[in-house]
Each structure stands twice: as C-alpha cells, then as structure tokens.
Amino acid sequence: MSAHFARQDRHHALEGLQDRRMLRELAYVDGHWTAGDAGQTFNVSDPASGTSIGRVSKLSADQTSTAIDAAAKAFPLWRDLLPQERSAKLRRWYELILEASDDLALIMTLEQGKPLAESRGEIRYAASFIEWYAEEAKRLNAESVTSHLPHAEMFVRREPLGVVGVATPWNFPSAMLTRKAAAALAAGCTIVAHPSSETPFSALALAELADRAGLPAGVFNVVTGDAATIVGRLCEDTRVRALSFTGSTEIGRLIAAQCAPTMKNLIMELGGHAPLIVFADADIDRAVDIAIDAKFATSGQDCLAANRIYVERAVHDAFSSAFAKRIAALKVAPGLTDGAVIGPLMHERAVNKVEEQVADALARGSTCLAGGKRHQAGPLFYEPTLLTNVPDDALIMREETFGPVAAIVSFDSEEEVIARANATEYGLVAYAVTKDGARMLRLARKLEYGMVAINRVKITGAPIPFGGIKQSGLGREGSRHGIEAFTELKYLCIDTQ
C-alpha cells in the first residue's frame, strides 16, 4: 500500500478502489518502485473539486538516466525473446487491464476529470492496442528480394531500434501510453515513459499491471516529474533511438529540435483543428448527433474534436437551432456523477483560453446560442457553448480549441468550403456529413488531412494508422505501420558461390 494512502486529505472516492495497490505514488524504474531524490514529490488534484489525490515522486535528470540505463541493459534480452514469448507477456498485460478496468477508470476520472463512462471506454480502448500488438509481435517477417546480382541471395528484415522514449498527454492518459508502448514492446524495444504530471496515476497503474504480467525489469519504465527535465534527458541521450510524443505542435517543434543532434526516429501526434462540414443534403438529426460526438467528447479536450463547423447556408439555421437545443441539454457535472457528459477542464489555463476565444468571437460579431460562461459546478467547469456567424479571422477559427465550445459558419459551395477547411497548418482529421456518394470521394481526395471521416465520428482503433499531415505530426500510430515505426530495415546479401 502507498505510504500516503491513509492521509486524511486523501480523496474520499479512492475508497472505491477494489485494489488499493493500483494507486502508486512512486515511479517505476528497473522493476522497482522509486522515490525522487531527497524525497521530492508533486501534488496531483482532482480538477472537479481541487481535492488532492496524492503526491507522486518527482525524479531528477540523473534518475531519468538510470531508467535509460535499465532499458538499455534489458534491451538485448527482450529483443532476443521469441516473438511468441513477447506476445504472451503482452497478452497477459492486456488481460490484467481488463480485469482491473473499474479501478483504472476510477483513477482516470479522478485525475483527468472525464465522465466515468468515458474513462471506462478509454480503458477498453487502451487495452485493445496491447491485444492487437500482442498478435503483431509474431508477424514482423523478413522478406526476400529478387536478386539483381549473380550468385547472390538477398533478404530484408526488421529489427527493433532499441530504447524508446515515450511522452504522453493528460487528455488520454492510458490510451496514449498503450498505443505507443505496446507497438514498441511488440517490436522488441524497451521503454522509458514520461506521463503528464497532471495525470501520472493512470500510467503508474499500468506499470503495476505490467509488473504483474511478468514484463522483465527494465523493459517498461515510468519516470514521473518535470517534463522539461525528463524529456530533455530522453532527447539528449544517444541510447534513446526513438521518441514518441503526443501533445501540442509547439512542444513537438521543441522536442524535434532537441532530438536533432542525436538523429532519433520521431513519432509525433500533434495539434489538430478539425473541420466538420455539413452539406444541405444531410439528414439534420444525424448531422447534429455527429456534431455532438465530434465536438464534446472529453469535454472538447481532444485533438480530434471538431473545432470549425461549416454548415451549408440552406440548412444553417435549422442545424444551428437543433444543435443549440442538444447542447443546452448536456449534463455538466463531476465525472463520477451519474449521467455526466461534460466534466471539468484540466486546469485554469484551459478555461482562460476558452474564455478568450469566446470573448474574441463575440467582439467580432458572433452570436451565442447556448452557454458562454463558466458553469456553477466549479471553477474549472465551462458551459457547453455554441457560437454562430463566426468570422474566419476569429481566434477560435485559427487556434485549436480544447474546451466545450462549438463554432458554426455558413458556406455556399463545395469548392469554397474545401478551401476554407484546408486553410490551416493542421491536418489531423476532417469530418463531413453528406448523402452524395461522388462528393464523398471528392472530399476524400481534396481534404488535406491524414484521416477523413464521412457520416461518422468513431474511426480510430488499433488496426488503423492514426496520424496527421502538415503540422499535425510525423509518422503513424496503430496498425502495422505503428510497429514498423520502432524498427530499422536491415539488408542482408549472401554470396552463394
């Protein structure tokens, strides 16, 4: 049990944990639970109430190097296991996550704030990557090459890179870790992971289960503390051969610059600014359903969230009216409240940004049809909000929005809306609602995004290559492409004379 678990200021909801060992306050390095130098810690609070969940070890740069040492030492043994042996350990990790899903979801809701139903969904989603890559571990086959030289046999094989650094965000604290780590581990790499300091407990709970699943010491390490200190050390260490990061484009650029001297492989899932295009031929009720799901999941704190909603002028008013009624009915409450749909934002900075974007849009002539201010549920809650007649130069149309605010603008032609949708440095995902089959194919070609969703919102999962173009990222996660990102190609040529 954690040394601090019995403290009187501990969040009362933690009494609901079925297995109290799931709440770990120490980092996990080389198979051991590790305290920070001089006992340094940082506080983690519930964004819904401000109540402390616990204090977590704050590791130093030198301790990060110790974790890299452990991963480098463990790499040859992990790499040399038969693929089916790695697969079996990953499969056991997956099974333990499903068994502990209630505790994992409770921990996530407490530290991240999302409604409990969403947390349960994320745990299943997180586990699915481990299940998928447990199978893919057995499929990294060598390929033969038709020889262009006499008396030569040629082969190409994929080999694991080595130590992989992983840095994950607070909005999906379990799924972003497993999507990266499962692929790298399946390839034969070892991991040094740094979770966001706002949501470290989810990652540490996964480390507890990885330990129980029998992952050898040093194969999977979780280093908690200051991001600049820990990720900076991962960037500069030559033994870390790849770094996988999910977060803002701004931070991604800094990490890329820091990794340049060591020529690491970079896998980055960065910012998004997704358009949702509703054409006049769409079924309005279905379009509203899609808009609700695309905008308000995770209280709008999602890189896939629909930030810019373009509605063809002929149905603009009907759509806006129906959308506003649905938004006004969304239940705003702490994540453990039955029926909660919109939870708190992560921190005060997020609320301030939402307020700034709403004020800017209103100052530029927009109309607020729903919401528009902080919610009485608490200081980090914001009302689900709908703005219409938003000009293209408004902040909310130019910057990523991480909050429950939807912005609607009208358009007159397909060519016009495609140009406006593409007029951004981001290119992660785009959504469209239409019944016209030919238009669907035109949109798929012309929208400059790594992923395009037509007449639906849920498109992600372990089998698909997740990622964006332009300033939205490098590489792909999920699918066979996700495991290939953690390998190098080795060419072998054998003289047969």
Protein backbone atom coordinates (compact mmCIF):
# COMPACT_ATOMS: atom_id res chain seq x y z
CA MET A 1 0.00 0.00 0.00
CA SER A 2 1.17 3.53 -0.68
CA ALA A 3 2.77 5.18 2.34
CA HIS A 4 0.44 8.14 1.94
CA PHE A 5 -2.82 6.27 1.32
CA ALA A 6 -4.24 6.73 4.80
CA ARG A 7 -3.77 10.51 4.91
CA GLN A 8 -6.93 12.34 5.96
CA ASP A 9 -6.79 14.72 2.98
CA ARG A 10 -6.94 11.83 0.54
CA HIS A 11 -9.82 11.99 -1.96
CA HIS A 12 -12.78 10.11 -0.45
CA ALA A 13 -13.66 8.46 -3.79
CA LEU A 14 -10.45 6.41 -3.59
CA GLU A 15 -12.23 4.28 -1.00
CA GLY A 16 -14.00 2.78 -4.02
CA LEU A 17 -10.82 1.14 -5.30
CA GLN A 18 -11.08 -2.63 -5.25
CA ASP A 19 -7.28 -3.00 -5.27
CA ARG A 20 -5.51 -0.20 -3.43
CA ARG A 21 -2.15 -1.25 -4.88
CA MET A 22 -3.35 0.24 -8.15
CA LEU A 23 -2.74 3.73 -6.77
CA ARG A 24 1.05 4.08 -6.95
CA GLU A 25 2.85 7.24 -5.89
CA LEU A 26 6.38 6.09 -6.73
CA ALA A 27 7.94 5.99 -10.19
CA TYR A 28 8.70 2.59 -11.73
CA VAL A 29 12.32 2.07 -12.77
CA ASP A 30 14.12 -1.21 -13.49
CA GLY A 31 11.35 -3.24 -11.88
CA HIS A 32 11.40 -1.20 -8.66
CA TRP A 33 9.13 1.49 -7.20
CA THR A 34 11.40 4.52 -6.97
CA ALA A 35 11.23 7.72 -4.91
CA GLY A 36 12.56 11.06 -6.11
CA ASP A 37 15.95 12.32 -4.96
CA ALA A 38 15.64 13.75 -1.45
CA GLY A 39 12.05 12.55 -1.41
CA GLN A 40 10.87 15.19 -3.88
CA THR A 41 7.20 14.91 -4.86
CA PHE A 42 4.45 16.85 -6.61
CA ASN A 43 0.73 17.03 -5.91
CA VAL A 44 -1.97 15.66 -8.20
CA SER A 45 -5.50 17.03 -7.76
CA ASP A 46 -8.99 16.21 -8.96
CA PRO A 47 -9.90 19.00 -11.42
CA ALA A 48 -13.57 18.67 -10.47
CA SER A 49 -13.05 19.52 -6.80
CA GLY A 50 -9.44 20.54 -6.30
CA THR A 51 -9.07 17.76 -3.73
CA SER A 52 -5.68 16.05 -3.55
CA ILE A 53 -5.49 12.55 -4.97
CA GLY A 54 -1.92 12.04 -3.81
CA ARG A 55 1.69 13.09 -4.15
CA VAL A 56 3.89 11.45 -6.78
CA SER A 57 7.67 11.05 -6.94
CA LYS A 58 9.50 13.80 -8.79
CA LEU A 59 12.53 12.18 -10.43
CA SER A 60 15.65 14.04 -11.48
CA ALA A 61 17.57 14.09 -14.75
CA ASP A 62 20.10 11.66 -13.26
CA GLN A 63 17.32 9.29 -12.24
CA THR A 64 15.99 9.51 -15.79
CA SER A 65 19.44 8.40 -16.95
CA THR A 66 19.20 5.48 -14.52
CA ALA A 67 15.94 4.47 -16.21
CA ILE A 68 17.63 4.69 -19.61
CA ASP A 69 20.48 2.55 -18.23
CA ALA A 70 17.93 -0.06 -17.16
CA ALA A 71 16.15 -0.02 -20.51
CA ALA A 72 19.46 -0.30 -22.41
CA LYS A 73 20.54 -3.22 -20.25
CA ALA A 74 17.20 -5.00 -20.67
CA PHE A 75 17.03 -4.45 -24.44
CA PRO A 76 19.19 -7.39 -25.66
CA LEU A 77 17.27 -9.89 -23.54
CA TRP A 78 13.86 -8.54 -24.57
CA ARG A 79 14.87 -8.31 -28.23
CA ASP A 80 16.13 -11.88 -28.28
CA LEU A 81 12.97 -13.43 -26.84
CA LEU A 82 10.99 -15.39 -29.37
CA PRO A 83 8.17 -13.22 -30.72
CA GLN A 84 5.59 -15.54 -29.24
CA GLU A 85 7.20 -15.10 -25.80
CA ARG A 86 6.89 -11.31 -26.03
CA SER A 87 3.37 -11.81 -27.32
CA ALA A 88 2.39 -13.93 -24.31
CA LYS A 89 3.55 -11.27 -21.83
CA LEU A 90 1.70 -8.53 -23.69
CA ARG A 91 -1.40 -10.70 -23.81
CA ARG A 92 -1.25 -11.19 -20.03
CA TRP A 93 -0.88 -7.41 -19.56
CA TYR A 94 -3.99 -6.92 -21.69
CA GLU A 95 -5.97 -9.43 -19.61
CA LEU A 96 -4.95 -7.79 -16.33
CA ILE A 97 -6.01 -4.37 -17.61
CA LEU A 98 -9.48 -5.69 -18.43
CA GLU A 99 -9.72 -7.32 -15.00
CA ALA A 100 -8.75 -4.04 -13.32
CA SER A 101 -10.83 -1.82 -15.60
CA ASP A 102 -13.11 -0.47 -12.86
CA ASP A 103 -10.17 0.71 -10.76
CA LEU A 104 -8.34 2.11 -13.78
CA ALA A 105 -11.42 4.06 -14.83
CA LEU A 106 -11.94 5.46 -11.35
CA ILE A 107 -8.33 6.62 -11.15
CA MET A 108 -8.60 8.24 -14.58
CA THR A 109 -11.78 10.13 -13.76
CA LEU A 110 -10.32 11.42 -10.52
CA GLU A 111 -7.11 12.76 -12.04
CA GLN A 112 -8.36 13.76 -15.50
CA GLY A 113 -11.97 14.72 -14.82
CA LYS A 114 -13.69 12.97 -17.73
CA PRO A 115 -17.05 11.29 -17.05
CA LEU A 116 -16.70 7.77 -15.71
CA ALA A 117 -18.40 6.23 -18.76
CA GLU A 118 -15.75 7.84 -20.99
CA SER A 119 -12.98 6.61 -18.70
CA ARG A 120 -14.30 3.06 -18.94
CA GLY A 121 -14.37 3.40 -22.71
CA GLU A 122 -10.79 4.63 -22.75
CA ILE A 123 -9.60 1.68 -20.67
CA ARG A 124 -11.11 -0.73 -23.20
CA TYR A 125 -9.56 1.32 -26.00
CA ALA A 126 -6.17 1.32 -24.26
CA ALA A 127 -6.29 -2.43 -23.74
CA SER A 128 -7.15 -3.02 -27.40
CA PHE A 129 -3.74 -1.76 -28.52
CA ILE A 130 -1.97 -4.27 -26.31
CA GLU A 131 -4.16 -7.09 -27.59
CA TRP A 132 -3.52 -6.02 -31.21
CA TYR A 133 0.24 -5.71 -30.86
CA ALA A 134 0.50 -8.95 -28.91
CA GLU A 135 -0.51 -10.55 -32.20
CA GLU A 136 1.55 -8.26 -34.42
CA ALA A 137 4.67 -9.22 -32.45
CA LYS A 138 4.53 -12.55 -34.27
CA ARG A 139 4.23 -11.02 -37.75
CA LEU A 140 7.36 -8.94 -38.26
CA ASN A 141 8.53 -11.19 -41.07
CA ALA A 142 11.68 -10.95 -43.12
CA GLU A 143 11.22 -10.58 -46.87
CA SER A 144 13.30 -11.89 -49.70
CA VAL A 145 14.42 -9.64 -52.55
CA THR A 146 14.68 -10.83 -56.13
CA SER A 147 18.41 -10.61 -56.73
CA HIS A 148 19.75 -8.29 -59.41
CA LEU A 149 23.28 -9.71 -58.91
CA PRO A 150 24.61 -13.13 -59.97
CA HIS A 151 25.20 -15.71 -57.27
CA ALA A 152 23.56 -13.62 -54.53
CA GLU A 153 20.65 -14.17 -52.16
CA MET A 154 19.10 -11.07 -50.65
CA PHE A 155 16.93 -10.58 -47.56
CA VAL A 156 15.45 -7.63 -45.72
CA ARG A 157 14.43 -7.89 -42.08
CA ARG A 158 13.05 -5.51 -39.49
CA GLU A 159 14.99 -5.16 -36.26
CA PRO A 160 13.97 -3.22 -33.13
CA LEU A 161 15.51 0.21 -32.68
CA GLY A 162 16.46 -0.16 -29.02
CA VAL A 163 15.43 2.13 -26.17
CA VAL A 164 12.35 4.22 -26.92
CA GLY A 165 11.32 7.36 -25.08
CA VAL A 166 7.58 7.95 -24.73
CA ALA A 167 5.91 11.20 -23.61
CA THR A 168 2.13 11.17 -23.17
CA PRO A 169 -0.54 13.85 -22.58
CA TRP A 170 -3.17 14.32 -19.90
CA ASN A 171 -6.31 14.05 -22.04
CA PHE A 172 -5.98 10.31 -22.77
CA PRO A 173 -3.57 9.16 -20.05
CA SER A 174 -3.97 5.41 -20.61
CA ALA A 175 -4.67 5.02 -24.33
CA MET A 176 -1.85 7.27 -25.49
CA LEU A 177 0.61 5.24 -23.42
CA THR A 178 -0.53 1.82 -24.56
CA ARG A 179 -0.79 2.85 -28.24
CA LYS A 180 2.89 3.76 -28.20
CA ALA A 181 4.31 1.30 -25.70
CA ALA A 182 2.53 -1.81 -26.99
CA ALA A 183 3.85 -1.26 -30.52
CA ALA A 184 7.40 -0.62 -29.35
CA LEU A 185 7.39 -3.57 -26.95
CA ALA A 186 5.98 -5.88 -29.60
CA ALA A 187 8.81 -4.86 -31.94
CA GLY A 188 11.36 -5.80 -29.28
CA CYS A 189 12.18 -2.32 -27.97
CA THR A 190 12.31 -1.25 -24.33
CA ILE A 191 10.52 1.80 -22.92
CA VAL A 192 11.19 4.84 -20.76
CA ALA A 193 7.82 6.59 -20.46
CA HIS A 194 7.03 10.01 -19.06
CA PRO A 195 3.34 10.67 -18.36
CA SER A 196 1.92 14.16 -17.92
CA SER A 197 2.39 15.42 -14.37
CA GLU A 198 -1.33 16.20 -14.29
CA THR A 199 -2.32 12.56 -14.81
CA PRO A 200 0.53 10.26 -13.69
CA PHE A 201 -1.57 7.78 -11.69
CA SER A 202 -3.04 6.12 -14.79
CA ALA A 203 0.43 5.38 -16.16
CA LEU A 204 1.69 4.11 -12.81
CA ALA A 205 -1.32 1.79 -12.52
CA LEU A 206 -0.46 0.39 -15.95
CA ALA A 207 3.11 -0.13 -14.73
CA GLU A 208 1.78 -2.06 -11.72
CA LEU A 209 -0.11 -4.36 -14.09
CA ALA A 210 2.86 -4.69 -16.45
CA ASP A 211 4.91 -5.84 -13.46
CA ARG A 212 2.26 -8.41 -12.56
CA ALA A 213 2.17 -9.55 -16.19
CA GLY A 214 5.83 -10.50 -15.98
CA LEU A 215 7.49 -7.86 -18.13
CA PRO A 216 11.16 -8.17 -17.17
CA ALA A 217 12.82 -5.46 -15.11
CA GLY A 218 13.94 -2.53 -17.24
CA VAL A 219 11.68 -3.33 -20.17
CA PHE A 220 8.94 -0.85 -19.18
CA ASN A 221 9.86 2.14 -17.03
CA VAL A 222 7.65 5.06 -15.95
CA VAL A 223 9.52 8.20 -14.92
CA THR A 224 7.42 10.89 -13.24
CA GLY A 225 8.31 14.52 -12.63
CA ASP A 226 9.10 17.69 -14.54
CA ALA A 227 8.58 17.32 -18.30
CA ALA A 228 11.42 19.62 -19.35
CA THR A 229 13.88 17.74 -17.11
CA ILE A 230 12.85 14.21 -18.05
CA VAL A 231 12.04 14.63 -21.73
CA GLY A 232 15.13 16.81 -22.12
CA ARG A 233 17.30 13.94 -20.89
CA LEU A 234 15.50 11.48 -23.20
CA CYS A 235 16.17 13.81 -26.14
CA GLU A 236 19.89 14.20 -25.48
CA ASP A 237 20.79 10.58 -24.66
CA THR A 238 22.19 8.79 -27.72
CA ARG A 239 20.97 5.42 -26.44
CA VAL A 240 17.35 6.53 -26.87
CA ARG A 241 16.84 5.72 -30.53
CA ALA A 242 13.27 6.92 -30.94
CA LEU A 243 10.96 9.32 -29.18
CA SER A 244 7.18 9.10 -29.45
CA PHE A 245 5.27 12.18 -28.30
CA THR A 246 1.64 13.27 -28.22
CA GLY A 247 0.96 16.90 -27.43
CA SER A 248 0.90 20.38 -28.87
CA THR A 249 2.60 21.33 -32.12
CA GLU A 250 4.56 23.99 -30.25
CA ILE A 251 6.11 21.48 -27.85
CA GLY A 252 6.59 19.00 -30.68
CA ARG A 253 8.78 21.51 -32.51
CA LEU A 254 10.92 21.99 -29.38
CA ILE A 255 11.35 18.25 -28.92
CA ALA A 256 12.27 17.78 -32.59
CA ALA A 257 14.96 20.46 -32.24
CA GLN A 258 16.32 18.83 -29.09
CA CYS A 259 16.43 15.41 -30.76
CA ALA A 260 18.18 16.64 -33.91
CA PRO A 261 21.74 16.24 -32.57
CA THR A 262 21.14 12.55 -31.85
CA MET A 263 19.17 11.83 -35.06
CA LYS A 264 16.35 9.97 -33.34
CA ASN A 265 13.34 8.50 -35.06
CA LEU A 266 10.40 10.74 -34.18
CA ILE A 267 6.77 9.67 -33.99
CA MET A 268 4.61 12.67 -33.18
CA GLU A 269 0.88 13.14 -32.87
CA LEU A 270 0.47 16.91 -32.54
CA GLY A 271 -2.27 19.52 -32.65
CA GLY A 272 -5.48 19.36 -34.62
CA HIS A 273 -8.02 21.90 -35.85
CA ALA A 274 -10.64 19.64 -37.37
CA PRO A 275 -13.35 20.90 -39.70
CA LEU A 276 -16.82 19.37 -39.72
CA ILE A 277 -18.66 20.07 -42.98
CA VAL A 278 -22.45 19.64 -43.08
CA PHE A 279 -23.94 19.72 -46.58
CA ALA A 280 -27.54 20.63 -47.37
CA ASP A 281 -28.38 17.07 -48.40
CA ALA A 282 -27.52 15.71 -44.95
CA ASP A 283 -30.11 14.42 -42.52
CA ILE A 284 -30.17 17.21 -39.92
CA ASP A 285 -30.81 15.00 -36.90
CA ARG A 286 -27.97 12.69 -37.85
CA ALA A 287 -25.69 15.65 -38.53
CA VAL A 288 -26.43 17.04 -35.06
CA ASP A 289 -25.66 13.65 -33.49
CA ILE A 290 -22.35 13.59 -35.31
CA ALA A 291 -21.56 17.17 -34.29
CA ILE A 292 -22.29 16.44 -30.61
CA ASP A 293 -19.98 13.44 -30.62
CA ALA A 294 -17.26 15.13 -32.66
CA LYS A 295 -17.19 18.27 -30.53
CA PHE A 296 -17.99 17.37 -26.92
CA ALA A 297 -16.24 14.06 -26.18
CA THR A 298 -13.71 14.51 -23.35
CA SER A 299 -15.38 17.90 -22.74
CA GLY A 300 -13.89 19.08 -26.03
CA GLN A 301 -10.35 18.38 -24.83
CA ASP A 302 -9.42 16.18 -27.75
CA CYS A 303 -7.11 16.72 -30.71
CA LEU A 304 -9.80 15.05 -32.85
CA ALA A 305 -12.50 17.46 -31.72
CA ALA A 306 -14.42 19.31 -34.44
CA ASN A 307 -13.27 22.88 -33.94
CA ARG A 308 -14.72 24.52 -37.05
CA ILE A 309 -18.24 23.55 -38.10
CA TYR A 310 -19.15 24.61 -41.65
CA VAL A 311 -22.84 24.34 -42.50
CA GLU A 312 -24.25 24.91 -45.98
CA ARG A 313 -26.32 28.09 -45.94
CA ALA A 314 -29.62 26.41 -46.91
CA VAL A 315 -29.65 24.36 -43.66
CA HIS A 316 -27.57 26.67 -41.43
CA ASP A 317 -30.46 27.96 -39.30
CA ALA A 318 -32.20 24.61 -38.92
CA PHE A 319 -28.97 22.88 -37.96
CA SER A 320 -27.93 25.65 -35.54
CA SER A 321 -31.28 25.62 -33.77
CA ALA A 322 -31.32 21.83 -33.34
CA PHE A 323 -27.66 21.79 -32.29
CA ALA A 324 -28.23 24.52 -29.68
CA LYS A 325 -31.09 22.54 -28.08
CA ARG A 326 -28.93 19.43 -27.81
CA ILE A 327 -26.01 21.40 -26.36
CA ALA A 328 -28.19 23.04 -23.72
CA ALA A 329 -29.32 19.58 -22.56
CA LEU A 330 -25.79 18.22 -21.97
CA LYS A 331 -25.28 17.46 -18.28
CA VAL A 332 -22.35 19.32 -16.74
CA ALA A 333 -21.08 17.67 -13.54
CA PRO A 334 -18.09 15.98 -11.89
CA GLY A 335 -17.12 12.82 -13.73
CA LEU A 336 -18.37 10.46 -11.02
CA THR A 337 -21.91 11.90 -11.21
CA ASP A 338 -24.45 9.67 -12.92
CA GLY A 339 -25.23 10.93 -16.41
CA ALA A 340 -22.37 13.44 -16.53
CA VAL A 341 -21.41 14.33 -20.10
CA ILE A 342 -19.26 17.44 -19.66
CA GLY A 343 -16.65 17.34 -16.90
CA PRO A 344 -14.15 19.96 -15.79
CA LEU A 345 -11.39 21.32 -17.93
CA MET A 346 -7.92 20.23 -16.91
CA HIS A 347 -6.62 23.48 -15.43
CA GLU A 348 -7.19 27.22 -15.19
CA ARG A 349 -5.13 27.89 -18.32
CA ALA A 350 -7.61 25.85 -20.36
CA VAL A 351 -10.58 27.79 -19.00
CA ASN A 352 -8.83 31.09 -19.65
CA LYS A 353 -8.19 30.12 -23.27
CA VAL A 354 -11.82 29.18 -23.83
CA GLU A 355 -12.96 32.47 -22.29
CA GLU A 356 -10.56 34.39 -24.51
CA GLN A 357 -11.79 32.66 -27.67
CA VAL A 358 -15.46 33.19 -26.82
CA ALA A 359 -14.92 36.88 -25.96
CA ASP A 360 -12.98 37.40 -29.19
CA ALA A 361 -15.70 35.77 -31.31
CA LEU A 362 -18.44 37.85 -29.70
CA ALA A 363 -16.42 41.02 -30.18
CA ARG A 364 -16.20 40.19 -33.90
CA GLY A 365 -19.97 39.94 -34.26
CA SER A 366 -20.70 36.28 -33.44
CA THR A 367 -23.91 35.20 -31.74
CA CYS A 368 -24.01 32.93 -28.68
CA LEU A 369 -26.93 30.48 -28.92
CA ALA A 370 -26.02 28.38 -25.86
CA GLY A 371 -23.69 28.65 -22.88
CA GLY A 372 -20.95 31.22 -23.00
CA LYS A 373 -19.62 31.34 -19.45
CA ARG A 374 -18.19 29.31 -16.58
CA HIS A 375 -20.53 26.75 -15.03
CA GLN A 376 -21.63 26.80 -11.42
CA ALA A 377 -20.39 23.21 -10.91
CA GLY A 378 -16.92 24.52 -10.11
CA PRO A 379 -14.11 26.86 -11.14
CA LEU A 380 -12.82 24.59 -13.93
CA PHE A 381 -16.23 23.86 -15.46
CA TYR A 382 -17.39 25.72 -18.57
CA GLU A 383 -20.85 25.66 -20.06
CA PRO A 384 -21.23 23.78 -23.36
CA THR A 385 -21.32 26.68 -25.78
CA LEU A 386 -22.48 27.34 -29.33
CA LEU A 387 -21.32 30.35 -31.35
CA THR A 388 -22.74 31.16 -34.79
CA ASN A 389 -21.81 33.62 -37.52
CA VAL A 390 -18.16 33.26 -36.51
CA PRO A 391 -15.77 35.03 -38.90
CA ASP A 392 -12.78 33.14 -40.27
CA ASP A 393 -10.37 35.56 -38.59
CA ALA A 394 -11.70 34.87 -35.08
CA LEU A 395 -9.27 33.18 -32.68
CA ILE A 396 -11.48 30.10 -32.38
CA MET A 397 -11.26 29.60 -36.16
CA ARG A 398 -7.47 29.93 -36.19
CA GLU A 399 -6.39 28.19 -32.98
CA GLU A 400 -7.03 24.73 -31.61
CA THR A 401 -9.87 24.77 -29.07
CA PHE A 402 -9.51 22.49 -26.07
CA GLY A 403 -12.90 23.01 -24.47
CA PRO A 404 -16.68 22.57 -24.89
CA VAL A 405 -17.19 25.41 -27.39
CA ALA A 406 -18.57 24.86 -30.91
CA ALA A 407 -18.23 27.49 -33.64
CA ILE A 408 -20.52 27.45 -36.70
CA VAL A 409 -20.08 29.31 -40.00
CA SER A 410 -22.04 29.05 -43.23
CA PHE A 411 -20.79 28.25 -46.74
CA ASP A 412 -22.22 28.32 -50.25
CA SER A 413 -20.27 25.83 -52.37
CA GLU A 414 -18.22 22.66 -52.09
CA GLU A 415 -15.13 24.29 -53.61
CA GLU A 416 -15.34 27.19 -51.18
CA VAL A 417 -15.67 25.05 -48.06
CA ILE A 418 -12.84 22.72 -49.04
CA ALA A 419 -10.54 25.70 -49.46
CA ARG A 420 -11.57 27.13 -46.09
CA ALA A 421 -11.23 23.75 -44.36
CA ASN A 422 -7.72 23.33 -45.77
CA ALA A 423 -6.62 26.85 -44.82
CA THR A 424 -4.76 25.78 -41.67
CA GLU A 425 -1.34 24.50 -40.71
CA TYR A 426 -3.01 21.47 -39.13
CA GLY A 427 -4.02 18.28 -40.92
CA LEU A 428 -5.08 15.61 -38.43
CA VAL A 429 -8.74 14.76 -39.13
CA ALA A 430 -11.69 16.18 -41.07
CA TYR A 431 -15.36 15.26 -40.80
CA ALA A 432 -18.14 15.59 -43.39
CA VAL A 433 -21.84 14.78 -43.50
CA THR A 434 -23.43 14.21 -46.92
CA LYS A 435 -25.54 11.68 -48.82
CA ASP A 436 -23.80 12.33 -52.15
CA GLY A 437 -21.51 9.38 -52.94
CA ALA A 438 -19.50 11.19 -55.59
CA ARG A 439 -18.95 14.09 -53.20
CA MET A 440 -17.65 11.66 -50.57
CA LEU A 441 -14.92 10.55 -52.97
CA ARG A 442 -14.06 14.12 -53.92
CA LEU A 443 -13.77 15.11 -50.27
CA ALA A 444 -11.56 12.12 -49.51
CA ARG A 445 -9.13 13.30 -52.20
CA LYS A 446 -9.25 17.04 -51.65
CA LEU A 447 -9.32 17.44 -47.87
CA GLU A 448 -5.70 17.81 -46.71
CA TYR A 449 -5.88 15.63 -43.62
CA GLY A 450 -4.32 12.36 -42.53
CA MET A 451 -7.76 10.98 -41.66
CA VAL A 452 -11.17 11.76 -43.16
CA ALA A 453 -14.43 10.64 -41.54
CA ILE A 454 -17.65 10.78 -43.57
CA ASN A 455 -21.04 10.36 -41.91
CA ARG A 456 -19.49 9.09 -38.68
CA VAL A 457 -17.21 10.13 -35.82
CA LYS A 458 -15.67 6.98 -34.39
CA ILE A 459 -12.91 5.95 -36.77
CA THR A 460 -9.92 5.17 -34.55
CA GLY A 461 -8.73 1.82 -33.24
CA ALA A 462 -5.74 -0.49 -33.10
CA PRO A 463 -5.94 -1.69 -36.75
CA ILE A 464 -5.85 1.78 -38.35
CA PRO A 465 -2.88 4.13 -38.96
CA PHE A 466 -3.59 7.13 -36.73
CA GLY A 467 -1.85 10.41 -37.54
CA GLY A 468 -1.84 13.67 -39.41
CA ILE A 469 -0.03 15.67 -42.06
CA LYS A 470 1.43 19.18 -42.16
CA GLN A 471 1.95 20.49 -38.60
CA SER A 472 -0.18 17.76 -37.05
CA GLY A 473 2.54 15.19 -36.74
CA LEU A 474 5.11 12.73 -38.01
CA GLY A 475 4.53 9.06 -38.68
CA ARG A 476 1.57 6.91 -37.69
CA GLU A 477 0.42 5.02 -34.60
CA GLY A 478 -1.67 1.88 -34.63
CA SER A 479 -1.84 -0.73 -37.42
CA ARG A 480 1.23 -2.47 -38.82
CA HIS A 481 2.68 0.95 -39.61
CA GLY A 482 2.74 1.70 -35.89
CA ILE A 483 5.03 -1.21 -35.10
CA GLU A 484 7.23 -0.53 -38.13
CA ALA A 485 7.97 2.93 -36.71
CA PHE A 486 10.01 1.25 -33.95
CA THR A 487 12.13 -0.85 -36.30
CA GLU A 488 15.01 -0.38 -38.72
CA LEU A 489 15.36 -2.23 -42.01
CA LYS A 490 18.46 -4.40 -42.31
CA TYR A 491 19.51 -5.69 -45.70
CA LEU A 492 21.47 -8.95 -45.94
CA CYS A 493 23.28 -10.09 -49.12
CA ILE A 494 24.87 -13.57 -49.19
CA ASP A 495 27.21 -14.83 -51.91
CA THR A 496 26.18 -18.35 -52.90
CA GLN A 497 29.28 -19.41 -54.87
